[in-house]
Amino acid sequence: MPKQKLTLTLDSENVEHLRSLVGARSLSAAVDSAVQAYLARLRHLQAVDEWLVEMERAHGPIPTQSLEWAARLVENWEAQRNARASKPGV
């Protein structure tokens, strides 16, 4: 895939932490991987939003309790995923 050079302004603590983790490997490659993961998450969230619109169109408004329940499931899943990702050697 073609590359594009650009300038970014990032939090210095995040940059230093990233550098300590990637070591001699490419900082650009690490940032590119992070952007890919973030874009995948945004695409997923967009697909969920589109699905919810379809469900409301077909079945009427989704009860607030159902949306809150689903949001808690996602929050718990993300917390577990983040906890696993922060463990050394994972």
Protein backbone atom coordinates (compact mmCIF):
# COMPACT_ATOMS: atom_id res chain seq x y z
CA MET A 1 0.00 0.00 0.00
CA PRO A 2 1.39 3.46 -0.83
CA LYS A 3 2.63 5.52 2.09
CA GLN A 4 2.08 9.20 2.80
CA LYS A 5 4.42 11.27 4.92
CA LEU A 6 2.79 13.65 7.39
CA THR A 7 3.48 15.50 10.59
CA LEU A 8 1.61 14.58 13.77
CA THR A 9 1.48 16.19 17.17
CA LEU A 10 1.20 13.53 19.87
CA ASP A 11 1.34 13.51 23.64
CA SER A 12 5.02 13.21 24.54
CA GLU A 13 4.41 10.63 27.28
CA ASN A 14 2.56 8.41 24.81
CA VAL A 15 5.37 8.75 22.28
CA GLU A 16 8.04 7.86 24.83
CA HIS A 17 6.04 4.90 26.08
CA LEU A 18 5.52 3.70 22.52
CA ARG A 19 9.22 4.08 21.75
CA SER A 20 10.10 2.06 24.85
CA LEU A 21 7.77 -0.71 23.68
CA VAL A 22 8.71 -0.87 19.99
CA GLY A 23 12.43 -0.49 20.60
CA ALA A 24 14.41 -0.58 17.36
CA ARG A 25 11.35 -1.34 15.25
CA SER A 26 9.67 1.36 13.22
CA LEU A 27 7.72 3.94 15.18
CA SER A 28 5.80 4.73 11.99
CA ALA A 29 4.77 1.08 11.61
CA ALA A 30 3.55 1.01 15.22
CA VAL A 31 1.49 4.17 14.74
CA ASP A 32 0.16 2.83 11.43
CA SER A 33 -0.95 -0.38 13.19
CA ALA A 34 -2.68 1.66 15.88
CA VAL A 35 -4.48 3.73 13.24
CA GLN A 36 -5.58 0.53 11.47
CA ALA A 37 -6.99 -0.86 14.72
CA TYR A 38 -8.76 2.42 15.47
CA LEU A 39 -10.26 2.56 11.97
CA ALA A 40 -11.47 -1.04 12.31
CA ARG A 41 -13.18 -0.10 15.58
CA LEU A 42 -14.81 2.96 14.00
CA ARG A 43 -16.04 0.86 11.05
CA HIS A 44 -17.47 -1.66 13.49
CA LEU A 45 -19.25 1.05 15.49
CA GLN A 46 -20.63 2.54 12.27
CA ALA A 47 -21.95 -0.89 11.23
CA VAL A 48 -23.62 -1.32 14.64
CA ASP A 49 -25.23 2.13 14.31
CA GLU A 50 -26.52 1.25 10.84
CA TRP A 51 -27.87 -2.05 12.15
CA LEU A 52 -29.66 -0.27 14.99
CA VAL A 53 -31.29 2.11 12.50
CA GLU A 54 -32.47 -0.89 10.46
CA MET A 55 -33.84 -2.59 13.58
CA GLU A 56 -35.72 0.55 14.63
CA ARG A 57 -37.10 0.94 11.12
CA ALA A 58 -38.31 -2.65 11.09
CA HIS A 59 -39.42 -3.06 14.73
CA GLY A 60 -39.84 0.40 16.22
CA PRO A 61 -37.81 2.11 18.94
CA ILE A 62 -35.35 -0.03 20.86
CA PRO A 63 -36.12 0.07 24.60
CA THR A 64 -33.66 2.14 26.61
CA GLN A 65 -33.05 -0.80 28.95
CA SER A 66 -31.93 -2.94 26.01
CA LEU A 67 -29.51 -0.27 24.78
CA GLU A 68 -28.10 0.21 28.29
CA TRP A 69 -27.66 -3.56 28.68
CA ALA A 70 -25.84 -3.77 25.34
CA ALA A 71 -23.63 -0.80 26.27
CA ARG A 72 -22.64 -2.51 29.55
CA LEU A 73 -21.74 -5.68 27.64
CA VAL A 74 -19.47 -3.71 25.31
CA GLU A 75 -17.89 -1.80 28.21
CA ASN A 76 -17.19 -5.04 30.09
CA TRP A 77 -15.76 -6.66 26.96
CA GLU A 78 -13.48 -3.67 26.30
CA ALA A 79 -12.32 -3.59 29.94
CA GLN A 80 -11.44 -7.29 29.80
CA ARG A 81 -9.66 -6.86 26.46
CA ASN A 82 -7.70 -3.87 27.76
CA ALA A 83 -6.76 -5.76 30.92
CA ARG A 84 -5.43 -8.69 28.84
CA ALA A 85 -3.55 -6.33 26.51
CA SER A 86 -1.86 -4.57 29.43
CA LYS A 87 -0.47 -7.81 30.88
CA PRO A 88 3.21 -8.41 30.07
CA GLY A 89 3.78 -11.08 27.47
CA VAL A 90 0.29 -10.82 25.96
